[in-house]
Amino acid sequence: MPVIEQLITSGDFFDWVLAGIAFEGVLLTGWLMYGAKSKQPLTLLPNLLAGASLMLAIKMVVTDAPWHWLAAALTAALLAHIVDLISRLREQL
């Protein structure tokens, strides 16, 4: 089995992507706390959470996780997306 196929079918690829998203969130939070002059980048955190939740959902499909965990991940993605949309709409008003 090719390496990439094995990484994807085992779910390990998605763990690496989730770790990258978590690292990005830590860097963004640190930048907000210590370097940013405005809190505008904070609006990116719900977007990261939505993406991480979708990536987790894909991992669950690939690894045959129970359906209720998949539903929870998709619900979390939806809620994070709604928060992201509301914050972006408020910025424009």
C-alpha atoms as a PDB file:
ATOM      1  CA  MET A   1       0.000   0.000   0.000  1.00  0.00           C
ATOM      2  CA  PRO A   2       1.449   3.399  -0.936  1.00  0.00           C
ATOM      3  CA  VAL A   3       2.429   5.625   1.967  1.00  0.00           C
ATOM      4  CA  ILE A   4      -0.100   8.386   1.258  1.00  0.00           C
ATOM      5  CA  GLU A   5      -2.941   5.887   0.922  1.00  0.00           C
ATOM      6  CA  GLN A   6      -1.959   4.327   4.235  1.00  0.00           C
ATOM      7  CA  LEU A   7      -1.765   7.743   5.934  1.00  0.00           C
ATOM      8  CA  ILE A   8      -5.254   8.657   4.732  1.00  0.00           C
ATOM      9  CA  THR A   9      -6.996   5.338   5.355  1.00  0.00           C
ATOM     10  CA  SER A  10      -5.520   5.041   8.852  1.00  0.00           C
ATOM     11  CA  GLY A  11      -6.599   8.586   9.742  1.00  0.00           C
ATOM     12  CA  ASP A  12      -3.047   9.668  10.608  1.00  0.00           C
ATOM     13  CA  PHE A  13      -3.021  12.287   7.845  1.00  0.00           C
ATOM     14  CA  PHE A  14      -5.991  14.027   9.440  1.00  0.00           C
ATOM     15  CA  ASP A  15      -4.255  13.976  12.828  1.00  0.00           C
ATOM     16  CA  TRP A  16      -1.355  15.880  11.266  1.00  0.00           C
ATOM     17  CA  VAL A  17      -3.703  18.400   9.677  1.00  0.00           C
ATOM     18  CA  LEU A  18      -5.549  18.858  12.982  1.00  0.00           C
ATOM     19  CA  ALA A  19      -2.221  19.375  14.754  1.00  0.00           C
ATOM     20  CA  GLY A  20      -1.349  22.043  12.161  1.00  0.00           C
ATOM     21  CA  ILE A  21      -4.675  23.787  12.742  1.00  0.00           C
ATOM     22  CA  ALA A  22      -4.124  23.665  16.513  1.00  0.00           C
ATOM     23  CA  PHE A  23      -0.621  25.097  16.077  1.00  0.00           C
ATOM     24  CA  GLU A  24      -2.028  27.867  13.903  1.00  0.00           C
ATOM     25  CA  GLY A  25      -4.608  28.627  16.594  1.00  0.00           C
ATOM     26  CA  VAL A  26      -1.918  28.807  19.285  1.00  0.00           C
ATOM     27  CA  LEU A  27       0.204  31.136  17.137  1.00  0.00           C
ATOM     28  CA  LEU A  28      -2.790  33.322  16.356  1.00  0.00           C
ATOM     29  CA  THR A  29      -3.808  33.513  20.015  1.00  0.00           C
ATOM     30  CA  GLY A  30      -0.245  34.355  21.069  1.00  0.00           C
ATOM     31  CA  TRP A  31      -0.031  37.036  18.426  1.00  0.00           C
ATOM     32  CA  LEU A  32      -3.321  38.499  19.627  1.00  0.00           C
ATOM     33  CA  MET A  33      -2.225  38.510  23.257  1.00  0.00           C
ATOM     34  CA  TYR A  34       1.273  39.888  22.767  1.00  0.00           C
ATOM     35  CA  GLY A  35       1.702  41.491  19.378  1.00  0.00           C
ATOM     36  CA  ALA A  36      -1.514  42.586  17.732  1.00  0.00           C
ATOM     37  CA  LYS A  37      -2.679  46.154  18.069  1.00  0.00           C
ATOM     38  CA  SER A  38      -6.282  45.234  17.358  1.00  0.00           C
ATOM     39  CA  LYS A  39      -8.419  42.231  18.163  1.00  0.00           C
ATOM     40  CA  GLN A  40      -9.663  41.794  14.582  1.00  0.00           C
ATOM     41  CA  PRO A  41      -7.708  38.576  13.963  1.00  0.00           C
ATOM     42  CA  LEU A  42      -9.765  37.046  16.781  1.00  0.00           C
ATOM     43  CA  THR A  43     -12.516  36.622  14.192  1.00  0.00           C
ATOM     44  CA  LEU A  44     -10.361  33.929  12.568  1.00  0.00           C
ATOM     45  CA  LEU A  45     -10.680  31.557  15.520  1.00  0.00           C
ATOM     46  CA  PRO A  46     -14.261  30.431  14.735  1.00  0.00           C
ATOM     47  CA  ASN A  47     -13.130  29.837  11.165  1.00  0.00           C
ATOM     48  CA  LEU A  48     -10.281  27.628  12.409  1.00  0.00           C
ATOM     49  CA  LEU A  49     -12.683  25.752  14.666  1.00  0.00           C
ATOM     50  CA  ALA A  50     -15.089  25.148  11.778  1.00  0.00           C
ATOM     51  CA  GLY A  51     -12.256  23.827   9.616  1.00  0.00           C
ATOM     52  CA  ALA A  52     -10.927  21.609  12.401  1.00  0.00           C
ATOM     53  CA  SER A  53     -14.399  20.206  13.034  1.00  0.00           C
ATOM     54  CA  LEU A  54     -14.834  19.377   9.348  1.00  0.00           C
ATOM     55  CA  MET A  55     -11.402  17.747   9.233  1.00  0.00           C
ATOM     56  CA  LEU A  56     -12.345  15.687  12.282  1.00  0.00           C
ATOM     57  CA  ALA A  57     -15.590  14.672  10.565  1.00  0.00           C
ATOM     58  CA  ILE A  58     -13.669  13.490   7.491  1.00  0.00           C
ATOM     59  CA  LYS A  59     -11.363  11.472   9.721  1.00  0.00           C
ATOM     60  CA  MET A  60     -14.380   9.873  11.372  1.00  0.00           C
ATOM     61  CA  VAL A  61     -15.842   8.862   8.018  1.00  0.00           C
ATOM     62  CA  VAL A  62     -12.536   7.354   6.873  1.00  0.00           C
ATOM     63  CA  THR A  63     -11.994   5.436  10.128  1.00  0.00           C
ATOM     64  CA  ASP A  64     -15.634   4.237  10.433  1.00  0.00           C
ATOM     65  CA  ALA A  65     -16.348   6.053  13.692  1.00  0.00           C
ATOM     66  CA  PRO A  66     -19.846   5.838  15.211  1.00  0.00           C
ATOM     67  CA  TRP A  67     -22.390   8.056  13.473  1.00  0.00           C
ATOM     68  CA  HIS A  68     -23.171  10.094  16.596  1.00  0.00           C
ATOM     69  CA  TRP A  69     -19.569  11.313  16.822  1.00  0.00           C
ATOM     70  CA  LEU A  70     -19.732  12.325  13.178  1.00  0.00           C
ATOM     71  CA  ALA A  71     -22.970  14.202  13.852  1.00  0.00           C
ATOM     72  CA  ALA A  72     -21.339  15.975  16.818  1.00  0.00           C
ATOM     73  CA  ALA A  73     -18.360  17.067  14.697  1.00  0.00           C
ATOM     74  CA  LEU A  74     -20.612  18.351  11.918  1.00  0.00           C
ATOM     75  CA  THR A  75     -22.793  20.201  14.447  1.00  0.00           C
ATOM     76  CA  ALA A  76     -19.690  21.827  15.949  1.00  0.00           C
ATOM     77  CA  ALA A  77     -18.605  22.879  12.454  1.00  0.00           C
ATOM     78  CA  LEU A  78     -22.021  24.376  11.779  1.00  0.00           C
ATOM     79  CA  LEU A  79     -22.085  26.316  15.056  1.00  0.00           C
ATOM     80  CA  ALA A  80     -18.562  27.647  14.532  1.00  0.00           C
ATOM     81  CA  HIS A  81     -19.473  28.664  10.988  1.00  0.00           C
ATOM     82  CA  ILE A  82     -22.563  30.518  12.233  1.00  0.00           C
ATOM     83  CA  VAL A  83     -20.463  32.374  14.825  1.00  0.00           C
ATOM     84  CA  ASP A  84     -17.963  33.259  12.099  1.00  0.00           C
ATOM     85  CA  LEU A  85     -20.687  34.557   9.786  1.00  0.00           C
ATOM     86  CA  ILE A  86     -22.321  36.635  12.524  1.00  0.00           C
ATOM     87  CA  SER A  87     -18.993  38.225  13.504  1.00  0.00           C
ATOM     88  CA  ARG A  88     -18.222  39.064   9.873  1.00  0.00           C
ATOM     89  CA  LEU A  89     -21.690  40.566   9.353  1.00  0.00           C
ATOM     90  CA  ARG A  90     -21.312  42.702  12.488  1.00  0.00           C
ATOM     91  CA  GLU A  91     -17.999  44.051  11.189  1.00  0.00           C
ATOM     92  CA  GLN A  92     -19.683  45.230   8.010  1.00  0.00           C
ATOM     93  CA  LEU A  93     -22.533  47.033   9.778  1.00  0.00           C
END
